[in-house]
């Protein structure tokens, strides 16, 4: 098992960064009039996932870490909602969102597993 020296060594943080990167790239195809609408919402929610994982990792207690992991889960749900809505209103295609949705589901499972481990 690899050694964890800081939050950047966490697989859930790395996957969160992948989600944020893919989300930013997705929004580049959106019309310019969505810059302060859906683009901003998607980018904020996607960046919030790894940011909350990192912030929670740096907290002093397990309870605080779990709280930030729960916040990251909320951002996962928010991001998935924005992405699905974007597809439904024609800003992108199902093909565009499938890889991100898949990563979001993996990330959610990983966070659930980490929370369970931390609660033991």
N, C-alpha and C. Protein backbone atom coordinates (compact mmCIF):
# COMPACT_ATOMS: atom_id res chain seq x y z
N UNK A 1 0.84 -1.18 0.00
CA UNK A 1 0.00 0.00 0.00
C UNK A 1 0.89 1.25 0.00
N UNK A 2 0.63 2.19 -0.92
CA UNK A 2 1.48 3.38 -0.98
C UNK A 2 1.31 4.26 0.26
N UNK A 3 2.41 4.92 0.60
CA UNK A 3 2.39 5.80 1.77
C UNK A 3 1.64 7.08 1.44
N UNK A 4 0.89 7.57 2.42
CA UNK A 4 0.14 8.81 2.25
C UNK A 4 0.80 9.88 3.11
N UNK A 5 1.42 10.85 2.43
CA UNK A 5 2.10 11.93 3.14
C UNK A 5 1.25 13.20 3.21
N UNK A 6 0.42 13.40 2.22
CA UNK A 6 -0.50 14.53 2.24
C UNK A 6 -1.70 14.22 1.35
N UNK A 7 -2.63 15.17 1.26
CA UNK A 7 -3.87 14.92 0.53
C UNK A 7 -3.65 14.57 -0.94
N UNK A 8 -2.55 15.02 -1.54
CA UNK A 8 -2.29 14.73 -2.96
C UNK A 8 -1.99 13.26 -3.21
N UNK A 9 -1.72 12.51 -2.15
CA UNK A 9 -1.48 11.07 -2.27
C UNK A 9 -2.78 10.26 -2.20
N UNK A 10 -3.89 10.92 -1.90
CA UNK A 10 -5.18 10.22 -1.78
C UNK A 10 -5.78 9.95 -3.15
N UNK A 11 -6.18 8.72 -3.38
CA UNK A 11 -6.82 8.37 -4.66
C UNK A 11 -8.12 9.15 -4.86
N UNK A 12 -8.86 9.39 -3.78
CA UNK A 12 -10.13 10.12 -3.93
C UNK A 12 -9.88 11.58 -4.32
N UNK A 13 -8.76 12.15 -3.87
CA UNK A 13 -8.43 13.52 -4.27
C UNK A 13 -8.05 13.54 -5.75
N UNK A 14 -7.23 12.57 -6.17
CA UNK A 14 -6.80 12.49 -7.56
C UNK A 14 -8.00 12.30 -8.49
N UNK A 15 -8.91 11.43 -8.12
CA UNK A 15 -10.11 11.23 -8.93
C UNK A 15 -10.96 12.50 -8.94
N UNK A 16 -11.05 13.18 -7.82
CA UNK A 16 -11.77 14.44 -7.76
C UNK A 16 -11.17 15.47 -8.71
N UNK A 17 -9.85 15.52 -8.77
CA UNK A 17 -9.18 16.43 -9.70
C UNK A 17 -9.47 16.05 -11.15
N UNK A 18 -9.51 14.74 -11.43
CA UNK A 18 -9.85 14.27 -12.79
C UNK A 18 -11.27 14.72 -13.16
N UNK A 19 -12.19 14.60 -12.21
CA UNK A 19 -13.58 15.02 -12.44
C UNK A 19 -13.63 16.52 -12.74
N UNK A 20 -12.92 17.31 -11.93
CA UNK A 20 -12.91 18.76 -12.13
C UNK A 20 -12.33 19.11 -13.49
N UNK A 21 -11.24 18.47 -13.85
CA UNK A 21 -10.61 18.74 -15.15
C UNK A 21 -11.56 18.41 -16.30
N UNK A 22 -12.18 17.25 -16.25
CA UNK A 22 -13.11 16.85 -17.31
C UNK A 22 -14.33 17.78 -17.35
N UNK A 23 -14.76 18.23 -16.19
CA UNK A 23 -15.90 19.15 -16.14
C UNK A 23 -15.54 20.50 -16.76
N UNK A 24 -14.36 21.00 -16.46
CA UNK A 24 -13.91 22.26 -17.07
C UNK A 24 -13.83 22.11 -18.58
N UNK A 25 -13.28 20.99 -19.05
CA UNK A 25 -13.19 20.77 -20.49
C UNK A 25 -14.57 20.66 -21.13
N UNK A 26 -15.50 20.01 -20.46
CA UNK A 26 -16.87 19.90 -20.96
C UNK A 26 -17.47 21.28 -21.17
N UNK A 27 -17.29 22.16 -20.20
CA UNK A 27 -17.94 23.47 -20.29
C UNK A 27 -17.34 24.36 -21.37
N UNK A 28 -16.18 24.00 -21.89
CA UNK A 28 -15.59 24.79 -22.98
C UNK A 28 -16.42 24.71 -24.26
N UNK A 29 -17.26 23.67 -24.38
CA UNK A 29 -18.09 23.55 -25.59
C UNK A 29 -19.43 24.26 -25.42
N UNK A 30 -19.72 24.75 -24.22
CA UNK A 30 -20.99 25.44 -23.97
C UNK A 30 -20.99 26.81 -24.64
N UNK A 31 -22.16 27.31 -25.00
CA UNK A 31 -22.24 28.65 -25.60
C UNK A 31 -21.74 29.73 -24.62
N UNK A 32 -21.21 30.79 -25.17
CA UNK A 32 -20.65 31.88 -24.34
C UNK A 32 -21.71 32.51 -23.42
N UNK A 33 -22.98 32.47 -23.83
CA UNK A 33 -24.00 33.07 -22.97
C UNK A 33 -24.28 32.24 -21.71
N UNK A 34 -23.67 31.08 -21.60
CA UNK A 34 -23.79 30.25 -20.39
C UNK A 34 -22.63 30.46 -19.43
N UNK A 35 -21.70 31.36 -19.77
CA UNK A 35 -20.50 31.57 -18.96
C UNK A 35 -20.83 31.86 -17.50
N UNK A 36 -21.85 32.68 -17.26
CA UNK A 36 -22.21 33.03 -15.88
C UNK A 36 -23.40 32.22 -15.39
N UNK A 37 -23.79 31.21 -16.14
CA UNK A 37 -24.88 30.33 -15.76
C UNK A 37 -24.33 28.95 -15.46
N UNK A 38 -24.64 28.02 -16.34
CA UNK A 38 -24.30 26.63 -16.12
C UNK A 38 -22.78 26.40 -16.06
N UNK A 39 -22.01 27.12 -16.85
CA UNK A 39 -20.56 26.95 -16.83
C UNK A 39 -20.02 27.23 -15.43
N UNK A 40 -20.43 28.33 -14.85
CA UNK A 40 -19.97 28.70 -13.51
C UNK A 40 -20.42 27.68 -12.47
N UNK A 41 -21.66 27.22 -12.57
CA UNK A 41 -22.18 26.24 -11.61
C UNK A 41 -21.40 24.93 -11.67
N UNK A 42 -21.16 24.44 -12.88
CA UNK A 42 -20.44 23.17 -13.06
C UNK A 42 -19.00 23.29 -12.57
N UNK A 43 -18.35 24.37 -12.93
CA UNK A 43 -16.95 24.53 -12.52
C UNK A 43 -16.82 24.66 -11.01
N UNK A 44 -17.71 25.40 -10.38
CA UNK A 44 -17.66 25.57 -8.93
C UNK A 44 -17.90 24.24 -8.22
N UNK A 45 -18.93 23.52 -8.64
CA UNK A 45 -19.25 22.24 -7.99
C UNK A 45 -18.14 21.22 -8.20
N UNK A 46 -17.57 21.19 -9.41
CA UNK A 46 -16.51 20.20 -9.68
C UNK A 46 -15.25 20.50 -8.88
N UNK A 47 -14.87 21.76 -8.76
CA UNK A 47 -13.68 22.12 -7.99
C UNK A 47 -13.89 21.88 -6.50
N UNK A 48 -15.14 21.94 -6.06
CA UNK A 48 -15.46 21.75 -4.65
C UNK A 48 -15.19 20.32 -4.19
N UNK A 49 -15.26 19.36 -5.09
CA UNK A 49 -15.06 17.96 -4.69
C UNK A 49 -13.64 17.74 -4.16
N UNK A 50 -12.59 17.95 -4.96
CA UNK A 50 -11.25 17.72 -4.41
C UNK A 50 -10.86 18.74 -3.34
N UNK A 51 -11.40 19.96 -3.44
CA UNK A 51 -11.07 20.99 -2.44
C UNK A 51 -11.56 20.57 -1.06
N UNK A 52 -12.76 20.02 -0.96
CA UNK A 52 -13.28 19.58 0.34
C UNK A 52 -12.57 18.34 0.84
N UNK A 53 -12.16 17.46 -0.07
CA UNK A 53 -11.38 16.29 0.35
C UNK A 53 -10.05 16.75 0.95
N UNK A 54 -9.41 17.70 0.28
CA UNK A 54 -8.13 18.22 0.77
C UNK A 54 -8.30 18.96 2.10
N UNK A 55 -9.33 19.79 2.19
CA UNK A 55 -9.55 20.55 3.42
C UNK A 55 -9.86 19.62 4.59
N UNK A 56 -10.70 18.62 4.33
CA UNK A 56 -11.02 17.67 5.39
C UNK A 56 -9.81 16.89 5.87
N UNK A 57 -8.96 16.51 4.93
CA UNK A 57 -7.75 15.76 5.28
C UNK A 57 -6.86 16.57 6.22
N UNK A 58 -6.87 17.88 6.04
CA UNK A 58 -6.02 18.74 6.86
C UNK A 58 -6.62 19.12 8.19
N UNK A 59 -7.82 18.68 8.49
CA UNK A 59 -8.46 19.01 9.75
C UNK A 59 -7.89 18.17 10.90
N UNK A 60 -8.16 18.61 12.10
CA UNK A 60 -7.56 17.99 13.28
C UNK A 60 -8.29 16.75 13.78
N UNK A 61 -9.51 16.55 13.36
CA UNK A 61 -10.25 15.42 13.91
C UNK A 61 -10.89 14.58 12.80
N UNK A 62 -11.13 13.33 13.13
CA UNK A 62 -11.79 12.43 12.20
C UNK A 62 -13.20 12.91 11.91
N UNK A 63 -13.89 13.42 12.92
CA UNK A 63 -15.26 13.92 12.72
C UNK A 63 -15.29 15.06 11.72
N UNK A 64 -14.31 15.96 11.79
CA UNK A 64 -14.26 17.07 10.83
C UNK A 64 -13.94 16.55 9.43
N UNK A 65 -13.04 15.58 9.35
CA UNK A 65 -12.69 14.99 8.06
C UNK A 65 -13.95 14.38 7.42
N UNK A 66 -14.69 13.63 8.20
CA UNK A 66 -15.92 13.01 7.69
C UNK A 66 -16.92 14.09 7.25
N UNK A 67 -17.01 15.18 7.99
CA UNK A 67 -17.91 16.27 7.62
C UNK A 67 -17.54 16.83 6.24
N UNK A 68 -16.27 17.03 5.99
CA UNK A 68 -15.84 17.54 4.69
C UNK A 68 -16.03 16.51 3.58
N UNK A 69 -15.88 15.23 3.89
CA UNK A 69 -16.16 14.19 2.90
C UNK A 69 -17.64 14.19 2.55
N UNK A 70 -18.49 14.43 3.54
CA UNK A 70 -19.94 14.55 3.27
C UNK A 70 -20.24 15.76 2.40
N UNK A 71 -19.54 16.85 2.62
CA UNK A 71 -19.71 18.04 1.78
C UNK A 71 -19.29 17.71 0.34
N UNK A 72 -18.19 16.98 0.18
CA UNK A 72 -17.74 16.56 -1.15
C UNK A 72 -18.81 15.70 -1.83
N UNK A 73 -19.46 14.84 -1.06
CA UNK A 73 -20.56 14.03 -1.62
C UNK A 73 -21.70 14.92 -2.10
N UNK A 74 -22.01 15.94 -1.36
CA UNK A 74 -23.04 16.89 -1.78
C UNK A 74 -22.65 17.56 -3.10
N UNK A 75 -21.39 17.90 -3.24
CA UNK A 75 -20.91 18.51 -4.49
C UNK A 75 -20.99 17.52 -5.65
N UNK A 76 -20.75 16.24 -5.37
CA UNK A 76 -20.90 15.21 -6.41
C UNK A 76 -22.34 15.20 -6.92
N UNK A 77 -23.29 15.20 -6.00
CA UNK A 77 -24.70 15.18 -6.39
C UNK A 77 -25.09 16.45 -7.14
N UNK A 78 -24.59 17.59 -6.66
CA UNK A 78 -24.87 18.85 -7.33
C UNK A 78 -24.31 18.86 -8.75
N UNK A 79 -23.06 18.42 -8.89
CA UNK A 79 -22.43 18.40 -10.20
C UNK A 79 -23.17 17.45 -11.16
N UNK A 80 -23.52 16.28 -10.68
CA UNK A 80 -24.25 15.34 -11.53
C UNK A 80 -25.56 15.96 -12.00
N UNK A 81 -26.25 16.65 -11.12
CA UNK A 81 -27.50 17.31 -11.48
C UNK A 81 -27.28 18.36 -12.57
N UNK A 82 -26.28 19.21 -12.40
CA UNK A 82 -25.99 20.25 -13.40
C UNK A 82 -25.61 19.64 -14.75
N UNK A 83 -24.84 18.57 -14.71
CA UNK A 83 -24.40 17.94 -15.96
C UNK A 83 -25.59 17.29 -16.68
N UNK A 84 -26.42 16.60 -15.94
CA UNK A 84 -27.61 15.97 -16.55
C UNK A 84 -28.53 17.05 -17.12
N UNK A 85 -28.73 18.12 -16.37
CA UNK A 85 -29.57 19.21 -16.86
C UNK A 85 -28.98 19.83 -18.14
N UNK A 86 -27.67 19.99 -18.16
CA UNK A 86 -27.00 20.53 -19.36
C UNK A 86 -27.28 19.66 -20.58
N UNK A 87 -27.25 18.37 -20.39
CA UNK A 87 -27.55 17.45 -21.49
C UNK A 87 -29.02 17.56 -21.88
N UNK A 88 -29.88 17.63 -20.90
CA UNK A 88 -31.33 17.68 -21.17
C UNK A 88 -31.75 18.94 -21.92
N UNK A 89 -31.05 20.04 -21.69
CA UNK A 89 -31.41 21.29 -22.38
C UNK A 89 -30.57 21.53 -23.63
N UNK A 90 -29.76 20.55 -24.01
CA UNK A 90 -29.05 20.61 -25.28
C UNK A 90 -27.71 21.33 -25.27
N UNK A 91 -27.14 21.56 -24.10
CA UNK A 91 -25.82 22.19 -24.05
C UNK A 91 -24.70 21.22 -24.38
N UNK A 92 -24.98 19.93 -24.20
CA UNK A 92 -24.01 18.88 -24.51
C UNK A 92 -24.78 17.59 -24.76
N UNK A 93 -24.05 16.56 -25.17
CA UNK A 93 -24.69 15.29 -25.50
C UNK A 93 -24.50 14.26 -24.39
N UNK A 94 -25.27 13.21 -24.48
CA UNK A 94 -25.13 12.08 -23.55
C UNK A 94 -23.70 11.53 -23.60
N UNK A 95 -23.15 11.47 -24.80
CA UNK A 95 -21.78 10.98 -24.98
C UNK A 95 -20.79 11.87 -24.24
N UNK A 96 -21.04 13.17 -24.23
CA UNK A 96 -20.16 14.11 -23.52
C UNK A 96 -20.16 13.88 -22.01
N UNK A 97 -21.32 13.54 -21.46
CA UNK A 97 -21.42 13.47 -19.99
C UNK A 97 -21.15 12.09 -19.41
N UNK A 98 -21.26 11.04 -20.20
CA UNK A 98 -21.11 9.68 -19.67
C UNK A 98 -19.80 9.45 -18.91
N UNK A 99 -18.65 9.89 -19.45
CA UNK A 99 -17.40 9.65 -18.69
C UNK A 99 -17.38 10.36 -17.33
N UNK A 100 -17.94 11.55 -17.27
CA UNK A 100 -17.95 12.29 -16.00
C UNK A 100 -18.91 11.63 -15.02
N UNK A 101 -20.08 11.23 -15.49
CA UNK A 101 -21.05 10.56 -14.62
C UNK A 101 -20.44 9.28 -14.05
N UNK A 102 -19.73 8.54 -14.87
CA UNK A 102 -19.08 7.32 -14.41
C UNK A 102 -18.05 7.62 -13.31
N UNK A 103 -17.24 8.65 -13.52
CA UNK A 103 -16.25 9.04 -12.51
C UNK A 103 -16.93 9.50 -11.22
N UNK A 104 -18.03 10.22 -11.35
CA UNK A 104 -18.75 10.68 -10.17
C UNK A 104 -19.26 9.51 -9.34
N UNK A 105 -19.75 8.50 -10.00
CA UNK A 105 -20.26 7.32 -9.27
C UNK A 105 -19.12 6.58 -8.57
N UNK A 106 -17.97 6.46 -9.26
CA UNK A 106 -16.79 5.82 -8.64
C UNK A 106 -16.34 6.63 -7.42
N UNK A 107 -16.28 7.93 -7.60
CA UNK A 107 -15.83 8.81 -6.51
C UNK A 107 -16.77 8.70 -5.31
N UNK A 108 -18.05 8.67 -5.56
CA UNK A 108 -19.01 8.55 -4.47
C UNK A 108 -18.82 7.24 -3.71
N UNK A 109 -18.63 6.15 -4.44
CA UNK A 109 -18.39 4.85 -3.78
C UNK A 109 -17.12 4.90 -2.93
N UNK A 110 -16.07 5.53 -3.46
CA UNK A 110 -14.81 5.62 -2.72
C UNK A 110 -14.97 6.45 -1.45
N UNK A 111 -15.71 7.54 -1.53
CA UNK A 111 -15.93 8.38 -0.35
C UNK A 111 -16.75 7.63 0.70
N UNK A 112 -17.78 6.92 0.27
CA UNK A 112 -18.58 6.12 1.20
C UNK A 112 -17.70 5.11 1.92
N UNK A 113 -16.84 4.43 1.18
CA UNK A 113 -15.94 3.43 1.77
C UNK A 113 -14.97 4.08 2.77
N UNK A 114 -14.45 5.26 2.42
CA UNK A 114 -13.53 5.94 3.33
C UNK A 114 -14.26 6.39 4.59
N UNK A 115 -15.44 6.92 4.45
CA UNK A 115 -16.21 7.34 5.63
C UNK A 115 -16.45 6.14 6.55
N UNK A 116 -16.84 5.01 5.99
CA UNK A 116 -17.08 3.80 6.80
C UNK A 116 -15.80 3.39 7.53
N UNK A 117 -14.67 3.45 6.82
CA UNK A 117 -13.40 3.08 7.45
C UNK A 117 -13.04 4.05 8.57
N UNK A 118 -13.25 5.33 8.36
CA UNK A 118 -12.94 6.33 9.37
C UNK A 118 -13.84 6.20 10.59
N UNK A 119 -15.07 5.72 10.40
CA UNK A 119 -16.02 5.58 11.51
C UNK A 119 -15.74 4.36 12.37
N UNK A 120 -14.89 3.47 11.90
CA UNK A 120 -14.57 2.26 12.69
C UNK A 120 -13.66 2.56 13.85
